[in-house]
Amino acid sequence: MIRDLTWTGNQFLAPETQSADFFAAVHAVDLTTKDDVWSERVALDLAAHHGLRPEFVKVGAGATQLIDVLLRALHRGPVVDVTPNFHLTATVARREGWEYLAVPVRDPDGLLPGLEPFLDRDDVVFSLSSPRNPLGYQFPLDDIARLLDRTRCPVLLDEVYADFAPATAMRLTEQYENLVVVRTFSKAWGLANLRIGFAVSALFAPPGPALPLLPNSVAGVAQRAARHLLAHPGPVRESIAAAQEGRARLVAALERIPGLHVWPSDANYVCLETPLAGDVVSALAGIGYPVRLVNTLKGYPPDWPPGVRITVPPQPGADAVVAAISRVLARTARDAEPVVG
């Protein structure tokens, strides 16, 4: 069986179950008419599901559209991008000719020190992801709050993998008007092909500035599927729990292999670093598990160690991945042993 572990969707969500839920939600859709023009019913259901203020929630055609629209709405000067990050921030800024400043941050405690030179400015937009792609860890919520305490500028926080994490910054929107959190149904909820996501911010509440979303940007079938899943979240919650358990087992097994640096993960993937990253990628592809070489990702700091991002697979895939990586590093260790004769 070939399982593409470059795709960071929910590998623990059974496609047949998700398809059945989808068809249950949309079987009676009248395709000749429009659905909810502004996806307001989805926003209300999301607010109830996550315990948010309804006026803080806006729905769009996926996190990609929302990040694009939000950057345009919030832009007033340099875009400060905490890298590595989803490449869209850099893509939009460069395409529009804006000043773009990449700030590489490697460790979880490096956020505030890295952004220190910009915290007293009043003309920047900060962009970051948490959990981080591809490293996998979340920035501590206390550090996000400290950042928001230190700056009056908008902070665009990409949380598309936060369903797999122990915490979310969405509740901080009650305290900080300059925070915008972006989420998606594409990852944990398994609706990648339907393109639906949402953003949460006090900025959206009246009399704040309107978010320049286009009407009817989210298809009615996507809205109905999302509302159905929010009303019947059991299979998604079970798959998230399974992914978290599988992640813990995979990290523990990888940490036992000498020669690997394994990043802590709060997402549904694991990032490891080794000088043999290229060999690891080749070995896993050879047994039907394509994975991503992180140094090929757009905007990845070129001077960082070579690494591999592996989406957590169900068993027996996880054991096969660990065994293949162990063979690569063990073979190299044997080759490095001095010849005694």
C-alpha atoms as a PDB file:
ATOM      1  CA  MET A   1       0.000   0.000   0.000  1.00  0.00           C
ATOM      2  CA  ILE A   2       1.308   3.434  -0.958  1.00  0.00           C
ATOM      3  CA  ARG A   3       0.532   6.169   1.575  1.00  0.00           C
ATOM      4  CA  ASP A   4       1.565   9.717   0.705  1.00  0.00           C
ATOM      5  CA  LEU A   5       3.041  11.178   3.886  1.00  0.00           C
ATOM      6  CA  THR A   6       3.890  14.493   2.217  1.00  0.00           C
ATOM      7  CA  TRP A   7       0.170  15.346   2.486  1.00  0.00           C
ATOM      8  CA  THR A   8      -0.517  16.770   5.927  1.00  0.00           C
ATOM      9  CA  GLY A   9      -4.213  15.944   5.981  1.00  0.00           C
ATOM     10  CA  ASN A  10      -5.774  13.673   8.585  1.00  0.00           C
ATOM     11  CA  GLN A  11      -4.427  10.183   7.848  1.00  0.00           C
ATOM     12  CA  PHE A  12      -6.620   8.716  10.617  1.00  0.00           C
ATOM     13  CA  LEU A  13      -9.951   9.844   9.197  1.00  0.00           C
ATOM     14  CA  ALA A  14     -11.555   7.012   7.225  1.00  0.00           C
ATOM     15  CA  PRO A  15     -12.396   8.312   3.721  1.00  0.00           C
ATOM     16  CA  GLU A  16     -15.523   6.152   3.507  1.00  0.00           C
ATOM     17  CA  THR A  17     -16.857   7.598   6.777  1.00  0.00           C
ATOM     18  CA  GLN A  18     -16.092  11.124   5.676  1.00  0.00           C
ATOM     19  CA  SER A  19     -17.720  10.553   2.291  1.00  0.00           C
ATOM     20  CA  ALA A  20     -20.838   9.157   3.951  1.00  0.00           C
ATOM     21  CA  ASP A  21     -21.037  12.249   6.171  1.00  0.00           C
ATOM     22  CA  PHE A  22     -20.585  14.471   3.145  1.00  0.00           C
ATOM     23  CA  PHE A  23     -23.368  12.822   1.160  1.00  0.00           C
ATOM     24  CA  ALA A  24     -25.647  12.900   4.182  1.00  0.00           C
ATOM     25  CA  ALA A  25     -25.113  16.636   4.376  1.00  0.00           C
ATOM     26  CA  VAL A  26     -25.578  17.520   0.706  1.00  0.00           C
ATOM     27  CA  HIS A  27     -27.868  14.856  -0.784  1.00  0.00           C
ATOM     28  CA  ALA A  28     -30.785  17.290  -1.000  1.00  0.00           C
ATOM     29  CA  VAL A  29     -28.873  20.370  -2.172  1.00  0.00           C
ATOM     30  CA  ASP A  30     -30.563  22.312  -4.953  1.00  0.00           C
ATOM     31  CA  LEU A  31     -27.639  23.152  -7.228  1.00  0.00           C
ATOM     32  CA  THR A  32     -29.708  25.696  -9.177  1.00  0.00           C
ATOM     33  CA  THR A  33     -29.919  28.111  -6.245  1.00  0.00           C
ATOM     34  CA  LYS A  34     -27.429  29.882  -3.999  1.00  0.00           C
ATOM     35  CA  ASP A  35     -26.806  28.980  -0.405  1.00  0.00           C
ATOM     36  CA  ASP A  36     -25.866  31.354   2.452  1.00  0.00           C
ATOM     37  CA  VAL A  37     -24.180  34.324   0.738  1.00  0.00           C
ATOM     38  CA  TRP A  38     -21.821  35.116   3.657  1.00  0.00           C
ATOM     39  CA  SER A  39     -21.732  31.666   5.311  1.00  0.00           C
ATOM     40  CA  GLU A  40     -23.271  33.193   8.429  1.00  0.00           C
ATOM     41  CA  ARG A  41     -24.908  29.960   9.591  1.00  0.00           C
ATOM     42  CA  VAL A  42     -21.536  28.214   9.478  1.00  0.00           C
ATOM     43  CA  ALA A  43     -20.052  31.082  11.504  1.00  0.00           C
ATOM     44  CA  LEU A  44     -22.774  30.692  14.127  1.00  0.00           C
ATOM     45  CA  ASP A  45     -22.178  26.945  14.371  1.00  0.00           C
ATOM     46  CA  LEU A  46     -18.416  27.490  14.652  1.00  0.00           C
ATOM     47  CA  ALA A  47     -18.916  30.048  17.408  1.00  0.00           C
ATOM     48  CA  ALA A  48     -21.077  27.602  19.346  1.00  0.00           C
ATOM     49  CA  HIS A  49     -18.664  24.709  18.780  1.00  0.00           C
ATOM     50  CA  HIS A  50     -15.590  26.615  19.957  1.00  0.00           C
ATOM     51  CA  GLY A  51     -17.241  28.863  22.553  1.00  0.00           C
ATOM     52  CA  LEU A  52     -16.556  32.069  20.611  1.00  0.00           C
ATOM     53  CA  ARG A  53     -18.447  35.298  20.133  1.00  0.00           C
ATOM     54  CA  PRO A  54     -20.366  34.960  16.832  1.00  0.00           C
ATOM     55  CA  GLU A  55     -19.403  38.432  15.674  1.00  0.00           C
ATOM     56  CA  PHE A  56     -15.730  37.433  15.902  1.00  0.00           C
ATOM     57  CA  VAL A  57     -16.040  34.638  13.299  1.00  0.00           C
ATOM     58  CA  LYS A  58     -15.788  34.992   9.509  1.00  0.00           C
ATOM     59  CA  VAL A  59     -15.899  32.085   7.051  1.00  0.00           C
ATOM     60  CA  GLY A  60     -14.020  31.973   3.768  1.00  0.00           C
ATOM     61  CA  ALA A  61     -12.976  29.632   0.960  1.00  0.00           C
ATOM     62  CA  GLY A  62     -10.193  27.970   2.933  1.00  0.00           C
ATOM     63  CA  ALA A  63      -7.324  29.299   5.022  1.00  0.00           C
ATOM     64  CA  THR A  64      -5.456  30.253   1.836  1.00  0.00           C
ATOM     65  CA  GLN A  65      -8.134  32.709   0.729  1.00  0.00           C
ATOM     66  CA  LEU A  66      -8.491  34.094   4.233  1.00  0.00           C
ATOM     67  CA  ILE A  67      -4.761  34.709   4.700  1.00  0.00           C
ATOM     68  CA  ASP A  68      -4.616  36.455   1.315  1.00  0.00           C
ATOM     69  CA  VAL A  69      -7.613  38.663   2.128  1.00  0.00           C
ATOM     70  CA  LEU A  70      -6.408  39.401   5.656  1.00  0.00           C
ATOM     71  CA  LEU A  71      -2.931  40.435   4.541  1.00  0.00           C
ATOM     72  CA  ARG A  72      -4.476  42.886   2.087  1.00  0.00           C
ATOM     73  CA  ALA A  73      -6.863  44.246   4.713  1.00  0.00           C
ATOM     74  CA  LEU A  74      -4.204  44.604   7.414  1.00  0.00           C
ATOM     75  CA  HIS A  75      -1.273  45.794   5.291  1.00  0.00           C
ATOM     76  CA  ARG A  76       0.103  49.234   6.096  1.00  0.00           C
ATOM     77  CA  GLY A  77       3.864  48.724   6.002  1.00  0.00           C
ATOM     78  CA  PRO A  78       6.407  45.921   6.253  1.00  0.00           C
ATOM     79  CA  VAL A  79       5.223  42.326   6.571  1.00  0.00           C
ATOM     80  CA  VAL A  80       7.229  40.532   9.281  1.00  0.00           C
ATOM     81  CA  ASP A  81       7.072  36.804   8.641  1.00  0.00           C
ATOM     82  CA  VAL A  82       8.236  34.325  11.297  1.00  0.00           C
ATOM     83  CA  THR A  83       9.830  31.618   9.184  1.00  0.00           C
ATOM     84  CA  PRO A  84       9.513  28.806   8.411  1.00  0.00           C
ATOM     85  CA  ASN A  85       5.866  29.504   7.693  1.00  0.00           C
ATOM     86  CA  PHE A  86       3.259  28.689   5.062  1.00  0.00           C
ATOM     87  CA  HIS A  87       4.717  30.349   1.952  1.00  0.00           C
ATOM     88  CA  LEU A  88       1.549  32.350   1.187  1.00  0.00           C
ATOM     89  CA  THR A  89       2.591  35.336   3.311  1.00  0.00           C
ATOM     90  CA  ALA A  90       5.836  35.686   1.370  1.00  0.00           C
ATOM     91  CA  THR A  91       4.078  35.036  -1.939  1.00  0.00           C
ATOM     92  CA  VAL A  92       1.437  37.728  -1.412  1.00  0.00           C
ATOM     93  CA  ALA A  93       3.900  40.307  -0.071  1.00  0.00           C
ATOM     94  CA  ARG A  94       6.348  39.843  -2.936  1.00  0.00           C
ATOM     95  CA  ARG A  95       3.649  39.753  -5.574  1.00  0.00           C
ATOM     96  CA  GLU A  96       2.247  43.061  -4.306  1.00  0.00           C
ATOM     97  CA  GLY A  97       5.682  44.670  -4.001  1.00  0.00           C
ATOM     98  CA  TRP A  98       5.410  45.147  -0.228  1.00  0.00           C
ATOM     99  CA  GLU A  99       8.438  45.233   2.037  1.00  0.00           C
ATOM    100  CA  TYR A 100       8.895  41.675   3.276  1.00  0.00           C
ATOM    101  CA  LEU A 101      11.050  40.782   6.285  1.00  0.00           C
ATOM    102  CA  ALA A 102      11.685  37.110   7.078  1.00  0.00           C
ATOM    103  CA  VAL A 103      12.621  36.414  10.710  1.00  0.00           C
ATOM    104  CA  PRO A 104      13.906  32.840  11.142  1.00  0.00           C
ATOM    105  CA  VAL A 105      12.927  31.445  14.550  1.00  0.00           C
ATOM    106  CA  ARG A 106      14.162  27.960  15.366  1.00  0.00           C
ATOM    107  CA  ASP A 107      13.278  27.172  18.977  1.00  0.00           C
ATOM    108  CA  PRO A 108       9.944  27.612  20.819  1.00  0.00           C
ATOM    109  CA  ASP A 109      11.438  30.256  23.135  1.00  0.00           C
ATOM    110  CA  GLY A 110      12.852  32.290  20.245  1.00  0.00           C
ATOM    111  CA  LEU A 111       9.684  34.124  19.203  1.00  0.00           C
ATOM    112  CA  LEU A 112       9.942  37.306  21.272  1.00  0.00           C
ATOM    113  CA  PRO A 113      13.740  37.666  20.950  1.00  0.00           C
ATOM    114  CA  GLY A 114      13.442  37.265  17.178  1.00  0.00           C
ATOM    115  CA  LEU A 115      10.705  39.895  16.885  1.00  0.00           C
ATOM    116  CA  GLU A 116      12.216  42.340  19.397  1.00  0.00           C
ATOM    117  CA  PRO A 117      13.475  44.806  16.731  1.00  0.00           C
ATOM    118  CA  PHE A 118       9.903  45.288  15.437  1.00  0.00           C
ATOM    119  CA  LEU A 119       7.816  45.405  18.612  1.00  0.00           C
ATOM    120  CA  ASP A 120       7.894  49.180  19.034  1.00  0.00           C
ATOM    121  CA  ARG A 121       6.839  49.888  15.458  1.00  0.00           C
ATOM    122  CA  ASP A 122       3.266  50.802  14.565  1.00  0.00           C
ATOM    123  CA  ASP A 123       3.262  49.989  10.851  1.00  0.00           C
ATOM    124  CA  VAL A 124       3.982  46.267  10.529  1.00  0.00           C
ATOM    125  CA  VAL A 125       1.915  43.102  10.188  1.00  0.00           C
ATOM    126  CA  PHE A 126       3.236  40.013  11.978  1.00  0.00           C
ATOM    127  CA  SER A 127       2.601  36.610  10.415  1.00  0.00           C
ATOM    128  CA  LEU A 128       3.353  33.262  12.052  1.00  0.00           C
ATOM    129  CA  SER A 129       2.070  29.697  12.303  1.00  0.00           C
ATOM    130  CA  SER A 130       1.481  27.579  15.395  1.00  0.00           C
ATOM    131  CA  PRO A 131       1.764  24.592  15.280  1.00  0.00           C
ATOM    132  CA  ARG A 132       4.643  25.376  12.993  1.00  0.00           C
ATOM    133  CA  ASN A 133       4.987  23.922   9.544  1.00  0.00           C
ATOM    134  CA  PRO A 134       7.183  21.908   9.182  1.00  0.00           C
ATOM    135  CA  LEU A 135       8.725  21.790  12.686  1.00  0.00           C
ATOM    136  CA  GLY A 136       5.459  20.811  14.365  1.00  0.00           C
ATOM    137  CA  TYR A 137       5.623  22.498  17.757  1.00  0.00           C
ATOM    138  CA  GLN A 138       3.276  25.180  19.113  1.00  0.00           C
ATOM    139  CA  PHE A 139       4.518  28.463  20.454  1.00  0.00           C
ATOM    140  CA  PRO A 140       3.476  28.701  24.136  1.00  0.00           C
ATOM    141  CA  LEU A 141       0.247  30.679  24.488  1.00  0.00           C
ATOM    142  CA  ASP A 142       1.930  32.796  27.154  1.00  0.00           C
ATOM    143  CA  ASP A 143       4.476  33.901  24.524  1.00  0.00           C
ATOM    144  CA  ILE A 144       1.714  34.724  22.048  1.00  0.00           C
ATOM    145  CA  ALA A 145       0.054  36.816  24.769  1.00  0.00           C
ATOM    146  CA  ARG A 146       3.345  38.554  25.566  1.00  0.00           C
ATOM    147  CA  LEU A 147       3.777  39.375  21.889  1.00  0.00           C
ATOM    148  CA  LEU A 148       0.277  40.857  21.805  1.00  0.00           C
ATOM    149  CA  ASP A 149       1.033  42.843  24.969  1.00  0.00           C
ATOM    150  CA  ARG A 150       4.174  44.267  23.373  1.00  0.00           C
ATOM    151  CA  THR A 151       2.758  45.375  20.015  1.00  0.00           C
ATOM    152  CA  ARG A 152      -0.211  47.351  18.797  1.00  0.00           C
ATOM    153  CA  CYS A 153       0.209  45.936  15.304  1.00  0.00           C
ATOM    154  CA  PRO A 154      -1.936  43.104  13.922  1.00  0.00           C
ATOM    155  CA  VAL A 155      -0.735  39.547  14.471  1.00  0.00           C
ATOM    156  CA  LEU A 156      -1.916  37.014  11.884  1.00  0.00           C
ATOM    157  CA  LEU A 157      -1.703  33.554  13.471  1.00  0.00           C
ATOM    158  CA  ASP A 158      -2.084  30.509  11.216  1.00  0.00           C
ATOM    159  CA  GLU A 159      -3.548  27.670  13.327  1.00  0.00           C
ATOM    160  CA  VAL A 160      -4.530  25.243  10.576  1.00  0.00           C
ATOM    161  CA  TYR A 161      -3.048  22.290  12.510  1.00  0.00           C
ATOM    162  CA  ALA A 162      -4.294  23.341  15.948  1.00  0.00           C
ATOM    163  CA  ASP A 163      -7.054  20.704  16.014  1.00  0.00           C
ATOM    164  CA  PHE A 164      -4.242  18.232  16.738  1.00  0.00           C
ATOM    165  CA  ALA A 165      -2.677  20.455  19.427  1.00  0.00           C
ATOM    166  CA  PRO A 166      -3.419  20.734  23.148  1.00  0.00           C
ATOM    167  CA  ALA A 167      -4.261  24.438  22.990  1.00  0.00           C
ATOM    168  CA  THR A 168      -5.504  27.233  20.732  1.00  0.00           C
ATOM    169  CA  ALA A 169      -5.075  30.996  20.771  1.00  0.00           C
ATOM    170  CA  MET A 170      -8.663  31.622  19.671  1.00  0.00           C
ATOM    171  CA  ARG A 171      -9.726  32.546  23.210  1.00  0.00           C
ATOM    172  CA  LEU A 172      -7.063  35.272  23.274  1.00  0.00           C
ATOM    173  CA  THR A 173      -9.176  37.213  20.769  1.00  0.00           C
ATOM    174  CA  GLU A 174     -11.371  38.212  23.717  1.00  0.00           C
ATOM    175  CA  GLN A 175      -8.410  40.073  25.255  1.00  0.00           C
ATOM    176  CA  TYR A 176      -6.483  41.314  22.228  1.00  0.00           C
ATOM    177  CA  GLU A 177      -8.092  43.220  19.398  1.00  0.00           C
ATOM    178  CA  ASN A 178      -4.967  42.947  17.252  1.00  0.00           C
ATOM    179  CA  LEU A 179      -5.004  39.123  17.056  1.00  0.00           C
ATOM    180  CA  VAL A 180      -6.409  37.286  14.013  1.00  0.00           C
ATOM    181  CA  VAL A 181      -6.474  33.477  14.149  1.00  0.00           C
ATOM    182  CA  VAL A 182      -6.986  31.450  10.958  1.00  0.00           C
ATOM    183  CA  ARG A 183      -8.305  27.867  11.005  1.00  0.00           C
ATOM    184  CA  THR A 184      -9.404  25.340   8.385  1.00  0.00           C
ATOM    185  CA  PHE A 185     -11.628  22.338   7.711  1.00  0.00           C
ATOM    186  CA  SER A 186      -9.006  20.931   5.312  1.00  0.00           C
ATOM    187  CA  LYS A 187      -6.770  19.125   7.792  1.00  0.00           C
ATOM    188  CA  ALA A 188      -8.347  17.439  10.813  1.00  0.00           C
ATOM    189  CA  TRP A 189     -11.888  17.706   9.415  1.00  0.00           C
ATOM    190  CA  GLY A 190     -11.072  16.158   6.033  1.00  0.00           C
ATOM    191  CA  LEU A 191     -12.759  18.684   3.721  1.00  0.00           C
ATOM    192  CA  ALA A 192      -9.697  19.738   1.726  1.00  0.00           C
ATOM    193  CA  ASN A 193     -11.461  19.529  -1.636  1.00  0.00           C
ATOM    194  CA  LEU A 194     -14.353  21.716  -0.488  1.00  0.00           C
ATOM    195  CA  ARG A 195     -12.227  24.766   0.448  1.00  0.00           C
ATOM    196  CA  ILE A 196     -13.705  26.146   3.656  1.00  0.00           C
ATOM    197  CA  GLY A 197     -11.987  27.789   6.614  1.00  0.00           C
ATOM    198  CA  PHE A 198     -12.583  30.524   9.150  1.00  0.00           C
ATOM    199  CA  ALA A 199     -10.895  33.421  10.900  1.00  0.00           C
ATOM    200  CA  VAL A 200     -11.467  34.681  14.445  1.00  0.00           C
ATOM    201  CA  SER A 201     -10.799  38.241  15.603  1.00  0.00           C
ATOM    202  CA  ALA A 202     -12.307  41.101  17.571  1.00  0.00           C
ATOM    203  CA  LEU A 203     -11.482  43.216  14.510  1.00  0.00           C
ATOM    204  CA  PHE A 204     -14.505  41.703  12.773  1.00  0.00           C
ATOM    205  CA  ALA A 205     -16.981  42.959  15.379  1.00  0.00           C
ATOM    206  CA  PRO A 206     -18.808  46.232  14.648  1.00  0.00           C
ATOM    207  CA  PRO A 207     -17.732  48.976  14.249  1.00  0.00           C
ATOM    208  CA  GLY A 208     -14.483  47.397  13.076  1.00  0.00           C
ATOM    209  CA  PRO A 209     -13.367  47.436   9.430  1.00  0.00           C
ATOM    210  CA  ALA A 210     -15.181  45.046   7.107  1.00  0.00           C
ATOM    211  CA  LEU A 211     -13.241  42.030   5.899  1.00  0.00           C
ATOM    212  CA  PRO A 212     -13.240  42.319   2.090  1.00  0.00           C
ATOM    213  CA  LEU A 213     -14.497  38.811   1.362  1.00  0.00           C
ATOM    214  CA  LEU A 214     -16.444  38.230  -1.832  1.00  0.00           C
ATOM    215  CA  PRO A 215     -20.092  37.165  -1.550  1.00  0.00           C
ATOM    216  CA  ASN A 216     -20.831  33.506  -2.313  1.00  0.00           C
ATOM    217  CA  SER A 217     -17.125  32.668  -2.028  1.00  0.00           C
ATOM    218  CA  VAL A 218     -17.882  29.446  -0.128  1.00  0.00           C
ATOM    219  CA  ALA A 219     -19.919  26.881  -2.062  1.00  0.00           C
ATOM    220  CA  GLY A 220     -23.190  25.762  -0.524  1.00  0.00           C
ATOM    221  CA  VAL A 221     -22.084  22.118  -0.500  1.00  0.00           C
ATOM    222  CA  ALA A 222     -19.021  23.097   1.537  1.00  0.00           C
ATOM    223  CA  GLN A 223     -21.149  25.048   3.997  1.00  0.00           C
ATOM    224  CA  ARG A 224     -23.568  22.165   4.480  1.00  0.00           C
ATOM    225  CA  ALA A 225     -20.791  19.605   4.883  1.00  0.00           C
ATOM    226  CA  ALA A 226     -19.061  21.767   7.494  1.00  0.00           C
ATOM    227  CA  ARG A 227     -22.297  22.332   9.415  1.00  0.00           C
ATOM    228  CA  HIS A 228     -23.070  18.615   9.343  1.00  0.00           C
ATOM    229  CA  LEU A 229     -19.643  17.749  10.742  1.00  0.00           C
ATOM    230  CA  LEU A 230     -19.939  20.382  13.465  1.00  0.00           C
ATOM    231  CA  ALA A 231     -23.280  18.864  14.452  1.00  0.00           C
ATOM    232  CA  HIS A 232     -21.858  15.300  14.336  1.00  0.00           C
ATOM    233  CA  PRO A 233     -18.162  15.653  15.271  1.00  0.00           C
ATOM    234  CA  GLY A 234     -17.699  12.163  16.735  1.00  0.00           C
ATOM    235  CA  PRO A 235     -15.689  10.531  13.901  1.00  0.00           C
ATOM    236  CA  VAL A 236     -13.444  13.586  13.559  1.00  0.00           C
ATOM    237  CA  ARG A 237     -12.780  13.717  17.300  1.00  0.00           C
ATOM    238  CA  GLU A 238     -11.974  10.004  17.347  1.00  0.00           C
ATOM    239  CA  SER A 239      -9.569  10.403  14.428  1.00  0.00           C
ATOM    240  CA  ILE A 240      -7.831  13.332  16.130  1.00  0.00           C
ATOM    241  CA  ALA A 241      -7.367  11.278  19.304  1.00  0.00           C
ATOM    242  CA  ALA A 242      -5.959   8.407  17.231  1.00  0.00           C
ATOM    243  CA  ALA A 243      -3.595  10.783  15.436  1.00  0.00           C
ATOM    244  CA  GLN A 244      -2.366  12.195  18.752  1.00  0.00           C
ATOM    245  CA  GLU A 245      -1.746   8.697  20.124  1.00  0.00           C
ATOM    246  CA  GLY A 246       0.014   7.670  16.920  1.00  0.00           C
ATOM    247  CA  ARG A 247       2.142  10.806  17.032  1.00  0.00           C
ATOM    248  CA  ALA A 248       3.272  10.086  20.582  1.00  0.00           C
ATOM    249  CA  ARG A 249       4.252   6.527  19.652  1.00  0.00           C
ATOM    250  CA  LEU A 250       6.060   7.629  16.493  1.00  0.00           C
ATOM    251  CA  VAL A 251       8.036  10.340  18.297  1.00  0.00           C
ATOM    252  CA  ALA A 252       9.015   7.925  21.082  1.00  0.00           C
ATOM    253  CA  ALA A 253      10.197   5.323  18.545  1.00  0.00           C
ATOM    254  CA  LEU A 254      12.175   7.860  16.497  1.00  0.00           C
ATOM    255  CA  GLU A 255      13.830   9.270  19.620  1.00  0.00           C
ATOM    256  CA  ARG A 256      15.315   5.836  20.279  1.00  0.00           C
ATOM    257  CA  ILE A 257      17.234   5.908  16.977  1.00  0.00           C
ATOM    258  CA  PRO A 258      20.782   7.259  17.469  1.00  0.00           C
ATOM    259  CA  GLY A 259      21.744  10.158  15.244  1.00  0.00           C
ATOM    260  CA  LEU A 260      18.326  11.806  14.919  1.00  0.00           C
ATOM    261  CA  HIS A 261      17.106  15.113  16.283  1.00  0.00           C
ATOM    262  CA  VAL A 262      13.331  14.752  16.628  1.00  0.00           C
ATOM    263  CA  TRP A 263      11.337  17.943  17.128  1.00  0.00           C
ATOM    264  CA  PRO A 264       8.462  17.891  19.629  1.00  0.00           C
ATOM    265  CA  SER A 265       5.185  17.972  17.715  1.00  0.00           C
ATOM    266  CA  ASP A 266       1.720  19.371  18.403  1.00  0.00           C
ATOM    267  CA  ALA A 267       0.586  18.776  14.810  1.00  0.00           C
ATOM    268  CA  ASN A 268      -0.203  15.596  12.860  1.00  0.00           C
ATOM    269  CA  TYR A 269       3.320  15.328  11.491  1.00  0.00           C
ATOM    270  CA  VAL A 270       6.803  14.899  12.912  1.00  0.00           C
ATOM    271  CA  CYS A 271       9.974  16.680  11.828  1.00  0.00           C
ATOM    272  CA  LEU A 272      13.360  15.061  12.295  1.00  0.00           C
ATOM    273  CA  GLU A 273      16.832  16.273  11.407  1.00  0.00           C
ATOM    274  CA  THR A 274      19.763  14.187  10.246  1.00  0.00           C
ATOM    275  CA  PRO A 275      22.630  14.653   7.789  1.00  0.00           C
ATOM    276  CA  LEU A 276      21.146  11.593   6.064  1.00  0.00           C
ATOM    277  CA  ALA A 277      17.800  13.274   5.349  1.00  0.00           C
ATOM    278  CA  GLY A 278      18.096  12.631   1.617  1.00  0.00           C
ATOM    279  CA  ASP A 279      18.782   8.941   2.217  1.00  0.00           C
ATOM    280  CA  VAL A 280      15.804   8.740   4.574  1.00  0.00           C
ATOM    281  CA  VAL A 281      13.507  10.275   1.960  1.00  0.00           C
ATOM    282  CA  SER A 282      14.736   7.820  -0.686  1.00  0.00           C
ATOM    283  CA  ALA A 283      14.387   4.814   1.622  1.00  0.00           C
ATOM    284  CA  LEU A 284      10.827   5.706   2.622  1.00  0.00           C
ATOM    285  CA  ALA A 285       9.800   6.395  -0.973  1.00  0.00           C
ATOM    286  CA  GLY A 286      11.204   2.980  -1.853  1.00  0.00           C
ATOM    287  CA  ILE A 287       8.761   1.225   0.483  1.00  0.00           C
ATOM    288  CA  GLY A 288       5.762   3.320  -0.598  1.00  0.00           C
ATOM    289  CA  TYR A 289       5.842   6.186   1.918  1.00  0.00           C
ATOM    290  CA  PRO A 290       6.768   9.479   0.208  1.00  0.00           C
ATOM    291  CA  VAL A 291       7.801  12.146   2.758  1.00  0.00           C
ATOM    292  CA  ARG A 292       8.933  15.758   2.472  1.00  0.00           C
ATOM    293  CA  LEU A 293      12.526  16.989   2.610  1.00  0.00           C
ATOM    294  CA  VAL A 294      12.024  20.171   4.615  1.00  0.00           C
ATOM    295  CA  ASN A 295      14.945  22.024   3.043  1.00  0.00           C
ATOM    296  CA  THR A 296      13.045  22.057  -0.271  1.00  0.00           C
ATOM    297  CA  LEU A 297      10.088  23.947   1.238  1.00  0.00           C
ATOM    298  CA  LYS A 298       9.668  27.547   0.107  1.00  0.00           C
ATOM    299  CA  GLY A 299      11.284  29.980   2.534  1.00  0.00           C
ATOM    300  CA  TYR A 300      12.966  27.325   4.656  1.00  0.00           C
ATOM    301  CA  PRO A 301      16.159  28.814   6.162  1.00  0.00           C
ATOM    302  CA  PRO A 302      18.955  27.511   3.916  1.00  0.00           C
ATOM    303  CA  ASP A 303      21.532  27.301   6.713  1.00  0.00           C
ATOM    304  CA  TRP A 304      19.402  25.024   8.939  1.00  0.00           C
ATOM    305  CA  PRO A 305      20.226  21.296   9.214  1.00  0.00           C
ATOM    306  CA  PRO A 306      18.676  18.946   6.653  1.00  0.00           C
ATOM    307  CA  GLY A 307      15.449  17.394   7.834  1.00  0.00           C
ATOM    308  CA  VAL A 308      12.389  15.346   6.954  1.00  0.00           C
ATOM    309  CA  ARG A 309       8.699  15.983   7.673  1.00  0.00           C
ATOM    310  CA  ILE A 310       6.612  12.834   8.106  1.00  0.00           C
ATOM    311  CA  THR A 311       2.843  12.929   8.409  1.00  0.00           C
ATOM    312  CA  VAL A 312       1.842  10.495  11.151  1.00  0.00           C
ATOM    313  CA  PRO A 313       0.376   7.355   9.520  1.00  0.00           C
ATOM    314  CA  PRO A 314      -1.784   4.653  11.087  1.00  0.00           C
ATOM    315  CA  GLN A 315      -0.289   1.252  11.759  1.00  0.00           C
ATOM    316  CA  PRO A 316       1.411  -0.651  10.229  1.00  0.00           C
ATOM    317  CA  GLY A 317       2.731   2.420   8.432  1.00  0.00           C
ATOM    318  CA  ALA A 318       4.333   3.972  11.500  1.00  0.00           C
ATOM    319  CA  ASP A 319       6.303   0.832  12.286  1.00  0.00           C
ATOM    320  CA  ALA A 320       7.430   0.553   8.656  1.00  0.00           C
ATOM    321  CA  VAL A 321       8.623   4.170   8.701  1.00  0.00           C
ATOM    322  CA  VAL A 322      10.616   3.662  11.906  1.00  0.00           C
ATOM    323  CA  ALA A 323      12.165   0.427  10.640  1.00  0.00           C
ATOM    324  CA  ALA A 324      13.254   2.026   7.353  1.00  0.00           C
ATOM    325  CA  ILE A 325      14.840   5.012   9.105  1.00  0.00           C
ATOM    326  CA  SER A 326      16.590   2.703  11.561  1.00  0.00           C
ATOM    327  CA  ARG A 327      18.079   0.728   8.666  1.00  0.00           C
ATOM    328  CA  VAL A 328      19.399   3.885   6.993  1.00  0.00           C
ATOM    329  CA  LEU A 329      21.157   5.133  10.125  1.00  0.00           C
ATOM    330  CA  ALA A 330      22.392   1.688  11.165  1.00  0.00           C
ATOM    331  CA  ARG A 331      23.885   1.075   7.707  1.00  0.00           C
ATOM    332  CA  THR A 332      25.688   4.386   7.806  1.00  0.00           C
ATOM    333  CA  ALA A 333      27.000   3.665  11.304  1.00  0.00           C
ATOM    334  CA  ARG A 334      28.361   0.317  10.099  1.00  0.00           C
ATOM    335  CA  ASP A 335      30.001   1.942   7.083  1.00  0.00           C
ATOM    336  CA  ALA A 336      31.718   4.437   9.377  1.00  0.00           C
ATOM    337  CA  GLU A 337      33.231   1.767  11.607  1.00  0.00           C
ATOM    338  CA  PRO A 338      36.982   1.403  11.205  1.00  0.00           C
ATOM    339  CA  VAL A 339      38.200  -1.735   9.496  1.00  0.00           C
ATOM    340  CA  VAL A 340      40.220  -3.906  11.876  1.00  0.00           C
ATOM    341  CA  GLY A 341      42.588  -6.344  10.194  1.00  0.00           C
END
